[in-house]
Amino acid sequence: MKRDFESQKEALLQDIRTVLRDMEDLYHEGAKRSEEETQALKAKLENKLNLAQERFQSLEDRAVEQVKHHAKRADEYVNEKPYYAMGFAALAGLVVGVLLNRR
């Protein structure tokens, strides 16, 4: 599951890099190209940008679902074993206190 999320993140970042590279090309070569070529490149760029936005939305939706799922599991665990949760919270507080006192 984590690998899938990471691979989607990398694909999205690659799409963003491609769109930015194409935008840079459009900017630098805009004066050299004819109106038709510029419009074709602009349409291609918009297509890539829309695809990147769709992938980003999908990745964001998956991340939200995963967070909700893990929060629900944590809540169920705390409700099933409250003393473990209190012990863990106390231990975490102790560790943070010790680390803050070191400074």
PDB file of N, CA and C in Angstrom:
ATOM      1  N   MET A   1       0.828  -1.177   0.000  1.00  0.00           N
ATOM      2  CA  MET A   1       0.000   0.000   0.000  1.00  0.00           C
ATOM      3  C   MET A   1       0.882   1.254   0.000  1.00  0.00           C
ATOM      4  N   LYS A   2       1.927   1.245   0.831  1.00  0.00           N
ATOM      5  CA  LYS A   2       2.812   2.397   0.903  1.00  0.00           C
ATOM      6  C   LYS A   2       3.594   2.549  -0.392  1.00  0.00           C
ATOM      7  N   ARG A   3       4.026   1.421  -0.965  1.00  0.00           N
ATOM      8  CA  ARG A   3       4.754   1.487  -2.226  1.00  0.00           C
ATOM      9  C   ARG A   3       3.879   2.067  -3.325  1.00  0.00           C
ATOM     10  N   ASP A   4       2.609   1.667  -3.343  1.00  0.00           N
ATOM     11  CA  ASP A   4       1.679   2.172  -4.343  1.00  0.00           C
ATOM     12  C   ASP A   4       1.518   3.682  -4.190  1.00  0.00           C
ATOM     13  N   PHE A   5       1.391   4.143  -2.961  1.00  0.00           N
ATOM     14  CA  PHE A   5       1.269   5.573  -2.685  1.00  0.00           C
ATOM     15  C   PHE A   5       2.530   6.302  -3.138  1.00  0.00           C
ATOM     16  N   GLU A   6       3.683   5.736  -2.832  1.00  0.00           N
ATOM     17  CA  GLU A   6       4.952   6.357  -3.219  1.00  0.00           C
ATOM     18  C   GLU A   6       5.091   6.390  -4.741  1.00  0.00           C
ATOM     19  N   SER A   7       4.695   5.317  -5.412  1.00  0.00           N
ATOM     20  CA  SER A   7       4.809   5.295  -6.875  1.00  0.00           C
ATOM     21  C   SER A   7       3.863   6.312  -7.498  1.00  0.00           C
ATOM     22  N   GLN A   8       2.668   6.473  -6.924  1.00  0.00           N
ATOM     23  CA  GLN A   8       1.744   7.487  -7.429  1.00  0.00           C
ATOM     24  C   GLN A   8       2.301   8.889  -7.198  1.00  0.00           C
ATOM     25  N   LYS A   9       2.933   9.087  -6.046  1.00  0.00           N
ATOM     26  CA  LYS A   9       3.521  10.385  -5.742  1.00  0.00           C
ATOM     27  C   LYS A   9       4.641  10.705  -6.734  1.00  0.00           C
ATOM     28  N   GLU A  10       5.480   9.717  -7.013  1.00  0.00           N
ATOM     29  CA  GLU A  10       6.577   9.928  -7.956  1.00  0.00           C
ATOM     30  C   GLU A  10       6.048  10.204  -9.361  1.00  0.00           C
ATOM     31  N   ALA A  11       4.996   9.489  -9.767  1.00  0.00           N
ATOM     32  CA  ALA A  11       4.408   9.719 -11.089  1.00  0.00           C
ATOM     33  C   ALA A  11       3.834  11.128 -11.177  1.00  0.00           C
ATOM     34  N   LEU A  12       3.192  11.583 -10.108  1.00  0.00           N
ATOM     35  CA  LEU A  12       2.643  12.929 -10.087  1.00  0.00           C
ATOM     36  C   LEU A  12       3.751  13.965 -10.168  1.00  0.00           C
ATOM     37  N   LEU A  13       4.813  13.770  -9.404  1.00  0.00           N
ATOM     38  CA  LEU A  13       5.929  14.711  -9.455  1.00  0.00           C
ATOM     39  C   LEU A  13       6.570  14.735 -10.840  1.00  0.00           C
ATOM     40  N   GLN A  14       6.660  13.588 -11.483  1.00  0.00           N
ATOM     41  CA  GLN A  14       7.209  13.533 -12.838  1.00  0.00           C
ATOM     42  C   GLN A  14       6.300  14.282 -13.803  1.00  0.00           C
ATOM     43  N   ASP A  15       4.980  14.129 -13.660  1.00  0.00           N
ATOM     44  CA  ASP A  15       4.045  14.870 -14.506  1.00  0.00           C
ATOM     45  C   ASP A  15       4.200  16.370 -14.305  1.00  0.00           C
ATOM     46  N   ILE A  16       4.362  16.791 -13.067  1.00  0.00           N
ATOM     47  CA  ILE A  16       4.525  18.217 -12.787  1.00  0.00           C
ATOM     48  C   ILE A  16       5.819  18.728 -13.411  1.00  0.00           C
ATOM     49  N   ARG A  17       6.885  17.958 -13.296  1.00  0.00           N
ATOM     50  CA  ARG A  17       8.154  18.363 -13.915  1.00  0.00           C
ATOM     51  C   ARG A  17       8.009  18.495 -15.431  1.00  0.00           C
ATOM     52  N   THR A  18       7.287  17.551 -16.046  1.00  0.00           N
ATOM     53  CA  THR A  18       7.074  17.590 -17.491  1.00  0.00           C
ATOM     54  C   THR A  18       6.283  18.824 -17.887  1.00  0.00           C
ATOM     55  N   VAL A  19       5.226  19.119 -17.138  1.00  0.00           N
ATOM     56  CA  VAL A  19       4.406  20.300 -17.441  1.00  0.00           C
ATOM     57  C   VAL A  19       5.241  21.564 -17.305  1.00  0.00           C
ATOM     58  N   LEU A  20       6.034  21.653 -16.258  1.00  0.00           N
ATOM     59  CA  LEU A  20       6.870  22.839 -16.073  1.00  0.00           C
ATOM     60  C   LEU A  20       7.904  22.977 -17.189  1.00  0.00           C
ATOM     61  N   ARG A  21       8.476  21.856 -17.596  1.00  0.00           N
ATOM     62  CA  ARG A  21       9.449  21.876 -18.687  1.00  0.00           C
ATOM     63  C   ARG A  21       8.779  22.331 -19.993  1.00  0.00           C
ATOM     64  N   ASP A  22       7.578  21.812 -20.253  1.00  0.00           N
ATOM     65  CA  ASP A  22       6.847  22.208 -21.455  1.00  0.00           C
ATOM     66  C   ASP A  22       6.460  23.687 -21.412  1.00  0.00           C
ATOM     67  N   MET A  23       6.087  24.176 -20.224  1.00  0.00           N
ATOM     68  CA  MET A  23       5.751  25.591 -20.090  1.00  0.00           C
ATOM     69  C   MET A  23       6.978  26.458 -20.365  1.00  0.00           C
ATOM     70  N   GLU A  24       8.116  26.012 -19.893  1.00  0.00           N
ATOM     71  CA  GLU A  24       9.355  26.746 -20.136  1.00  0.00           C
ATOM     72  C   GLU A  24       9.673  26.763 -21.620  1.00  0.00           C
ATOM     73  N   ASP A  25       9.490  25.620 -22.286  1.00  0.00           N
ATOM     74  CA  ASP A  25       9.714  25.560 -23.734  1.00  0.00           C
ATOM     75  C   ASP A  25       8.761  26.496 -24.470  1.00  0.00           C
ATOM     76  N   LEU A  26       7.512  26.506 -24.059  1.00  0.00           N
ATOM     77  CA  LEU A  26       6.521  27.377 -24.684  1.00  0.00           C
ATOM     78  C   LEU A  26       6.935  28.835 -24.523  1.00  0.00           C
ATOM     79  N   TYR A  27       7.401  29.173 -23.355  1.00  0.00           N
ATOM     80  CA  TYR A  27       7.825  30.548 -23.088  1.00  0.00           C
ATOM     81  C   TYR A  27       9.022  30.937 -23.958  1.00  0.00           C
ATOM     82  N   HIS A  28      10.036  30.073 -23.997  1.00  0.00           N
ATOM     83  CA  HIS A  28      11.259  30.399 -24.727  1.00  0.00           C
ATOM     84  C   HIS A  28      11.070  30.366 -26.241  1.00  0.00           C
ATOM     85  N   GLU A  29      10.226  29.480 -26.711  1.00  0.00           N
ATOM     86  CA  GLU A  29      10.073  29.327 -28.156  1.00  0.00           C
ATOM     87  C   GLU A  29       8.807  29.976 -28.690  1.00  0.00           C
ATOM     88  N   GLY A  30       8.072  30.647 -27.847  1.00  0.00           N
ATOM     89  CA  GLY A  30       6.799  31.252 -28.258  1.00  0.00           C
ATOM     90  C   GLY A  30       6.951  32.236 -29.394  1.00  0.00           C
ATOM     91  N   ALA A  31       7.973  33.030 -29.352  1.00  0.00           N
ATOM     92  CA  ALA A  31       8.177  34.037 -30.398  1.00  0.00           C
ATOM     93  C   ALA A  31       8.599  33.395 -31.718  1.00  0.00           C
ATOM     94  N   LYS A  32       9.236  32.247 -31.656  1.00  0.00           N
ATOM     95  CA  LYS A  32       9.739  31.593 -32.862  1.00  0.00           C
ATOM     96  C   LYS A  32       8.658  30.798 -33.591  1.00  0.00           C
ATOM     97  N   ARG A  33       7.625  30.411 -32.881  1.00  0.00           N
ATOM     98  CA  ARG A  33       6.618  29.523 -33.472  1.00  0.00           C
ATOM     99  C   ARG A  33       5.488  30.320 -34.113  1.00  0.00           C
ATOM    100  N   SER A  34       4.818  29.640 -35.016  1.00  0.00           N
ATOM    101  CA  SER A  34       3.644  30.258 -35.628  1.00  0.00           C
ATOM    102  C   SER A  34       2.474  30.163 -34.661  1.00  0.00           C
ATOM    103  N   GLU A  35       1.409  30.859 -34.974  1.00  0.00           N
ATOM    104  CA  GLU A  35       0.221  30.873 -34.109  1.00  0.00           C
ATOM    105  C   GLU A  35      -0.369  29.468 -33.969  1.00  0.00           C
ATOM    106  N   GLU A  36      -0.397  28.706 -35.054  1.00  0.00           N
ATOM    107  CA  GLU A  36      -0.964  27.349 -35.017  1.00  0.00           C
ATOM    108  C   GLU A  36      -0.118  26.430 -34.137  1.00  0.00           C
ATOM    109  N   GLU A  37       1.179  26.510 -34.281  1.00  0.00           N
ATOM    110  CA  GLU A  37       2.065  25.681 -33.465  1.00  0.00           C
ATOM    111  C   GLU A  37       1.940  26.042 -31.990  1.00  0.00           C
ATOM    112  N   THR A  38       1.832  27.330 -31.720  1.00  0.00           N
ATOM    113  CA  THR A  38       1.690  27.782 -30.344  1.00  0.00           C
ATOM    114  C   THR A  38       0.388  27.278 -29.742  1.00  0.00           C
ATOM    115  N   GLN A  39      -0.696  27.331 -30.513  1.00  0.00           N
ATOM    116  CA  GLN A  39      -1.987  26.841 -30.033  1.00  0.00           C
ATOM    117  C   GLN A  39      -1.952  25.330 -29.793  1.00  0.00           C
ATOM    118  N   ALA A  40      -1.283  24.600 -30.685  1.00  0.00           N
ATOM    119  CA  ALA A  40      -1.177  23.144 -30.518  1.00  0.00           C
ATOM    120  C   ALA A  40      -0.372  22.811 -29.265  1.00  0.00           C
ATOM    121  N   LEU A  41       0.726  23.536 -29.053  1.00  0.00           N
ATOM    122  CA  LEU A  41       1.544  23.300 -27.872  1.00  0.00           C
ATOM    123  C   LEU A  41       0.781  23.687 -26.612  1.00  0.00           C
ATOM    124  N   LYS A  42       0.020  24.770 -26.683  1.00  0.00           N
ATOM    125  CA  LYS A  42      -0.782  25.201 -25.540  1.00  0.00           C
ATOM    126  C   LYS A  42      -1.838  24.143 -25.199  1.00  0.00           C
ATOM    127  N   ALA A  43      -2.494  23.580 -26.213  1.00  0.00           N
ATOM    128  CA  ALA A  43      -3.491  22.532 -25.976  1.00  0.00           C
ATOM    129  C   ALA A  43      -2.852  21.296 -25.357  1.00  0.00           C
ATOM    130  N   LYS A  44      -1.677  20.939 -25.851  1.00  0.00           N
ATOM    131  CA  LYS A  44      -0.952  19.783 -25.303  1.00  0.00           C
ATOM    132  C   LYS A  44      -0.571  20.038 -23.849  1.00  0.00           C
ATOM    133  N   LEU A  45      -0.123  21.240 -23.560  1.00  0.00           N
ATOM    134  CA  LEU A  45       0.256  21.620 -22.208  1.00  0.00           C
ATOM    135  C   LEU A  45      -0.950  21.593 -21.276  1.00  0.00           C
ATOM    136  N   GLU A  46      -2.083  22.107 -21.742  1.00  0.00           N
ATOM    137  CA  GLU A  46      -3.302  22.078 -20.930  1.00  0.00           C
ATOM    138  C   GLU A  46      -3.734  20.645 -20.644  1.00  0.00           C
ATOM    139  N   ASN A  47      -3.586  19.780 -21.636  1.00  0.00           N
ATOM    140  CA  ASN A  47      -3.914  18.360 -21.460  1.00  0.00           C
ATOM    141  C   ASN A  47      -3.059  17.744 -20.368  1.00  0.00           C
ATOM    142  N   LYS A  48      -1.765  17.995 -20.419  1.00  0.00           N
ATOM    143  CA  LYS A  48      -0.855  17.445 -19.410  1.00  0.00           C
ATOM    144  C   LYS A  48      -1.146  18.020 -18.034  1.00  0.00           C
ATOM    145  N   LEU A  49      -1.452  19.297 -17.983  1.00  0.00           N
ATOM    146  CA  LEU A  49      -1.774  19.930 -16.712  1.00  0.00           C
ATOM    147  C   LEU A  49      -3.051  19.338 -16.120  1.00  0.00           C
ATOM    148  N   ASN A  50      -4.052  19.119 -16.952  1.00  0.00           N
ATOM    149  CA  ASN A  50      -5.301  18.494 -16.471  1.00  0.00           C
ATOM    150  C   ASN A  50      -5.052  17.087 -15.963  1.00  0.00           C
ATOM    151  N   LEU A  51      -4.213  16.341 -16.668  1.00  0.00           N
ATOM    152  CA  LEU A  51      -3.881  14.986 -16.231  1.00  0.00           C
ATOM    153  C   LEU A  51      -3.155  15.013 -14.886  1.00  0.00           C
ATOM    154  N   ALA A  52      -2.223  15.939 -14.736  1.00  0.00           N
ATOM    155  CA  ALA A  52      -1.499  16.061 -13.468  1.00  0.00           C
ATOM    156  C   ALA A  52      -2.453  16.451 -12.341  1.00  0.00           C
ATOM    157  N   GLN A  53      -3.397  17.339 -12.618  1.00  0.00           N
ATOM    158  CA  GLN A  53      -4.367  17.741 -11.607  1.00  0.00           C
ATOM    159  C   GLN A  53      -5.261  16.561 -11.202  1.00  0.00           C
ATOM    160  N   GLU A  54      -5.659  15.753 -12.172  1.00  0.00           N
ATOM    161  CA  GLU A  54      -6.476  14.579 -11.865  1.00  0.00           C
ATOM    162  C   GLU A  54      -5.703  13.592 -11.003  1.00  0.00           C
ATOM    163  N   ARG A  55      -4.436  13.375 -11.337  1.00  0.00           N
ATOM    164  CA  ARG A  55      -3.618  12.461 -10.537  1.00  0.00           C
ATOM    165  C   ARG A  55      -3.417  13.001  -9.131  1.00  0.00           C
ATOM    166  N   PHE A  56      -3.200  14.312  -9.024  1.00  0.00           N
ATOM    167  CA  PHE A  56      -3.033  14.924  -7.716  1.00  0.00           C
ATOM    168  C   PHE A  56      -4.297  14.753  -6.885  1.00  0.00           C
ATOM    169  N   GLN A  57      -5.464  14.972  -7.509  1.00  0.00           N
ATOM    170  CA  GLN A  57      -6.725  14.811  -6.787  1.00  0.00           C
ATOM    171  C   GLN A  57      -6.910  13.371  -6.330  1.00  0.00           C
ATOM    172  N   SER A  58      -6.555  12.425  -7.195  1.00  0.00           N
ATOM    173  CA  SER A  58      -6.653  11.011  -6.834  1.00  0.00           C
ATOM    174  C   SER A  58      -5.726  10.681  -5.675  1.00  0.00           C
ATOM    175  N   LEU A  59      -4.507  11.191  -5.732  1.00  0.00           N
ATOM    176  CA  LEU A  59      -3.538  10.956  -4.664  1.00  0.00           C
ATOM    177  C   LEU A  59      -4.016  11.578  -3.357  1.00  0.00           C
ATOM    178  N   GLU A  60      -4.560  12.779  -3.457  1.00  0.00           N
ATOM    179  CA  GLU A  60      -5.074  13.450  -2.259  1.00  0.00           C
ATOM    180  C   GLU A  60      -6.248  12.671  -1.659  1.00  0.00           C
ATOM    181  N   ASP A  61      -7.149  12.201  -2.509  1.00  0.00           N
ATOM    182  CA  ASP A  61      -8.293  11.417  -2.030  1.00  0.00           C
ATOM    183  C   ASP A  61      -7.835  10.141  -1.325  1.00  0.00           C
ATOM    184  N   ARG A  62      -6.845   9.467  -1.916  1.00  0.00           N
ATOM    185  CA  ARG A  62      -6.327   8.249  -1.289  1.00  0.00           C
ATOM    186  C   ARG A  62      -5.679   8.541   0.050  1.00  0.00           C
ATOM    187  N   ALA A  63      -4.924   9.642   0.113  1.00  0.00           N
ATOM    188  CA  ALA A  63      -4.260  10.009   1.366  1.00  0.00           C
ATOM    189  C   ALA A  63      -5.295  10.301   2.450  1.00  0.00           C
ATOM    190  N   VAL A  64      -6.352  11.006   2.097  1.00  0.00           N
ATOM    191  CA  VAL A  64      -7.409  11.314   3.063  1.00  0.00           C
ATOM    192  C   VAL A  64      -8.074  10.031   3.543  1.00  0.00           C
ATOM    193  N   GLU A  65      -8.342   9.128   2.624  1.00  0.00           N
ATOM    194  CA  GLU A  65      -8.964   7.854   3.003  1.00  0.00           C
ATOM    195  C   GLU A  65      -8.059   7.049   3.928  1.00  0.00           C
ATOM    196  N   GLN A  66      -6.766   7.043   3.645  1.00  0.00           N
ATOM    197  CA  GLN A  66      -5.833   6.305   4.496  1.00  0.00           C
ATOM    198  C   GLN A  66      -5.763   6.918   5.889  1.00  0.00           C
ATOM    199  N   VAL A  67      -5.744   8.234   5.959  1.00  0.00           N
ATOM    200  CA  VAL A  67      -5.704   8.893   7.267  1.00  0.00           C
ATOM    201  C   VAL A  67      -6.965   8.574   8.056  1.00  0.00           C
ATOM    202  N   LYS A  68      -8.112   8.638   7.395  1.00  0.00           N
ATOM    203  CA  LYS A  68      -9.376   8.312   8.073  1.00  0.00           C
ATOM    204  C   LYS A  68      -9.369   6.865   8.556  1.00  0.00           C
ATOM    205  N   HIS A  69      -8.885   5.969   7.717  1.00  0.00           N
ATOM    206  CA  HIS A  69      -8.850   4.552   8.072  1.00  0.00           C
ATOM    207  C   HIS A  69      -7.962   4.321   9.294  1.00  0.00           C
ATOM    208  N   HIS A  70      -6.770   4.923   9.281  1.00  0.00           N
ATOM    209  CA  HIS A  70      -5.845   4.721  10.402  1.00  0.00           C
ATOM    210  C   HIS A  70      -6.346   5.410  11.666  1.00  0.00           C
ATOM    211  N   ALA A  71      -6.994   6.550  11.523  1.00  0.00           N
ATOM    212  CA  ALA A  71      -7.560   7.225  12.696  1.00  0.00           C
ATOM    213  C   ALA A  71      -8.673   6.379  13.312  1.00  0.00           C
ATOM    214  N   LYS A  72      -9.480   5.759  12.461  1.00  0.00           N
ATOM    215  CA  LYS A  72     -10.556   4.897  12.956  1.00  0.00           C
ATOM    216  C   LYS A  72      -9.980   3.677  13.668  1.00  0.00           C
ATOM    217  N   ARG A  73      -8.921   3.094  13.081  1.00  0.00           N
ATOM    218  CA  ARG A  73      -8.291   1.940  13.729  1.00  0.00           C
ATOM    219  C   ARG A  73      -7.677   2.329  15.072  1.00  0.00           C
ATOM    220  N   ALA A  74      -7.045   3.496  15.130  1.00  0.00           N
ATOM    221  CA  ALA A  74      -6.452   3.959  16.390  1.00  0.00           C
ATOM    222  C   ALA A  74      -7.546   4.194  17.434  1.00  0.00           C
ATOM    223  N   ASP A  75      -8.654   4.773  16.999  1.00  0.00           N
ATOM    224  CA  ASP A  75      -9.765   5.011  17.919  1.00  0.00           C
ATOM    225  C   ASP A  75     -10.324   3.695  18.451  1.00  0.00           C
ATOM    226  N   GLU A  76     -10.476   2.716  17.577  1.00  0.00           N
ATOM    227  CA  GLU A  76     -10.970   1.403  18.000  1.00  0.00           C
ATOM    228  C   GLU A  76      -9.994   0.757  18.992  1.00  0.00           C
ATOM    229  N   TYR A  77      -8.704   0.880  18.716  1.00  0.00           N
ATOM    230  CA  TYR A  77      -7.695   0.299  19.594  1.00  0.00           C
ATOM    231  C   TYR A  77      -7.738   0.949  20.969  1.00  0.00           C
ATOM    232  N   VAL A  78      -7.863   2.282  20.995  1.00  0.00           N
ATOM    233  CA  VAL A  78      -7.921   2.993  22.272  1.00  0.00           C
ATOM    234  C   VAL A  78      -9.175   2.601  23.045  1.00  0.00           C
ATOM    235  N   ASN A  79     -10.274   2.424  22.338  1.00  0.00           N
ATOM    236  CA  ASN A  79     -11.512   2.030  23.015  1.00  0.00           C
ATOM    237  C   ASN A  79     -11.443   0.597  23.544  1.00  0.00           C
ATOM    238  N   GLU A  80     -10.728  -0.266  22.819  1.00  0.00           N
ATOM    239  CA  GLU A  80     -10.601  -1.657  23.249  1.00  0.00           C
ATOM    240  C   GLU A  80      -9.609  -1.803  24.410  1.00  0.00           C
ATOM    241  N   LYS A  81      -8.536  -1.024  24.360  1.00  0.00           N
ATOM    242  CA  LYS A  81      -7.475  -1.155  25.371  1.00  0.00           C
ATOM    243  C   LYS A  81      -7.079   0.231  25.880  1.00  0.00           C
ATOM    244  N   PRO A  82      -7.913   0.838  26.705  1.00  0.00           N
ATOM    245  CA  PRO A  82      -7.625   2.212  27.139  1.00  0.00           C
ATOM    246  C   PRO A  82      -6.375   2.315  28.023  1.00  0.00           C
ATOM    247  N   TYR A  83      -6.078   1.284  28.793  1.00  0.00           N
ATOM    248  CA  TYR A  83      -4.916   1.368  29.679  1.00  0.00           C
ATOM    249  C   TYR A  83      -3.608   1.345  28.897  1.00  0.00           C
ATOM    250  N   TYR A  84      -3.583   0.622  27.782  1.00  0.00           N
ATOM    251  CA  TYR A  84      -2.401   0.646  26.930  1.00  0.00           C
ATOM    252  C   TYR A  84      -2.201   2.046  26.359  1.00  0.00           C
ATOM    253  N   ALA A  85      -3.296   2.648  25.924  1.00  0.00           N
ATOM    254  CA  ALA A  85      -3.220   3.996  25.354  1.00  0.00           C
ATOM    255  C   ALA A  85      -2.741   4.999  26.401  1.00  0.00           C
ATOM    256  N   MET A  86      -3.253   4.894  27.617  1.00  0.00           N
ATOM    257  CA  MET A  86      -2.824   5.812  28.679  1.00  0.00           C
ATOM    258  C   MET A  86      -1.347   5.586  29.011  1.00  0.00           C
ATOM    259  N   GLY A  87      -0.932   4.346  29.035  1.00  0.00           N
ATOM    260  CA  GLY A  87       0.472   4.038  29.299  1.00  0.00           C
ATOM    261  C   GLY A  87       1.377   4.575  28.206  1.00  0.00           C
ATOM    262  N   PHE A  88       0.959   4.412  26.978  1.00  0.00           N
ATOM    263  CA  PHE A  88       1.746   4.920  25.860  1.00  0.00           C
ATOM    264  C   PHE A  88       1.832   6.446  25.917  1.00  0.00           C
ATOM    265  N   ALA A  89       0.703   7.112  26.218  1.00  0.00           N
ATOM    266  CA  ALA A  89       0.693   8.572  26.320  1.00  0.00           C
ATOM    267  C   ALA A  89       1.613   9.033  27.459  1.00  0.00           C
ATOM    268  N   ALA A  90       1.574   8.325  28.593  1.00  0.00           N
ATOM    269  CA  ALA A  90       2.443   8.683  29.722  1.00  0.00           C
ATOM    270  C   ALA A  90       3.912   8.498  29.354  1.00  0.00           C
ATOM    271  N   LEU A  91       4.222   7.406  28.674  1.00  0.00           N
ATOM    272  CA  LEU A  91       5.591   7.159  28.239  1.00  0.00           C
ATOM    273  C   LEU A  91       6.051   8.238  27.256  1.00  0.00           C
ATOM    274  N   ALA A  92       5.202   8.594  26.324  1.00  0.00           N
ATOM    275  CA  ALA A  92       5.549   9.642  25.357  1.00  0.00           C
ATOM    276  C   ALA A  92       5.772  10.971  26.074  1.00  0.00           C
ATOM    277  N   GLY A  93       4.920  11.276  27.053  1.00  0.00           N
ATOM    278  CA  GLY A  93       5.090  12.504  27.829  1.00  0.00           C
ATOM    279  C   GLY A  93       6.396  12.501  28.606  1.00  0.00           C
ATOM    280  N   LEU A  94       6.746  11.359  29.160  1.00  0.00           N
ATOM    281  CA  LEU A  94       8.009  11.237  29.895  1.00  0.00           C
ATOM    282  C   LEU A  94       9.204  11.473  28.980  1.00  0.00           C
ATOM    283  N   VAL A  95       9.167  10.868  27.797  1.00  0.00           N
ATOM    284  CA  VAL A  95      10.263  11.030  26.841  1.00  0.00           C
ATOM    285  C   VAL A  95      10.385  12.493  26.413  1.00  0.00           C
ATOM    286  N   VAL A  96       9.261  13.129  26.111  1.00  0.00           N
ATOM    287  CA  VAL A  96       9.289  14.537  25.708  1.00  0.00           C
ATOM    288  C   VAL A  96       9.811  15.395  26.853  1.00  0.00           C
ATOM    289  N   GLY A  97       9.365  15.123  28.078  1.00  0.00           N
ATOM    290  CA  GLY A  97       9.848  15.877  29.241  1.00  0.00           C
ATOM    291  C   GLY A  97      11.342  15.750  29.433  1.00  0.00           C
ATOM    292  N   VAL A  98      11.856  14.537  29.302  1.00  0.00           N
ATOM    293  CA  VAL A  98      13.298  14.313  29.444  1.00  0.00           C
ATOM    294  C   VAL A  98      14.063  15.061  28.347  1.00  0.00           C
ATOM    295  N   LEU A  99      13.562  15.002  27.120  1.00  0.00           N
ATOM    296  CA  LEU A  99      14.237  15.684  26.029  1.00  0.00           C
ATOM    297  C   LEU A  99      14.213  17.203  26.193  1.00  0.00           C
ATOM    298  N   LEU A 100      13.113  17.733  26.682  1.00  0.00           N
ATOM    299  CA  LEU A 100      13.030  19.185  26.883  1.00  0.00           C
ATOM    300  C   LEU A 100      13.915  19.645  28.035  1.00  0.00           C
ATOM    301  N   ASN A 101      14.078  18.812  29.057  1.00  0.00           N
ATOM    302  CA  ASN A 101      14.931  19.174  30.203  1.00  0.00           C
ATOM    303  C   ASN A 101      16.409  19.114  29.868  1.00  0.00           C
ATOM    304  N   ARG A 102      16.770  18.418  28.802  1.00  0.00           N
ATOM    305  CA  ARG A 102      18.177  18.308  28.409  1.00  0.00           C
ATOM    306  C   ARG A 102      18.707  19.637  27.888  1.00  0.00           C
ATOM    307  N   ARG A 103      17.822  20.436  27.344  1.00  0.00           N
ATOM    308  CA  ARG A 103      18.242  21.719  26.751  1.00  0.00           C
ATOM    309  C   ARG A 103      18.489  22.674  27.813  1.00  0.00           C
TER     310      ARG A 103
END
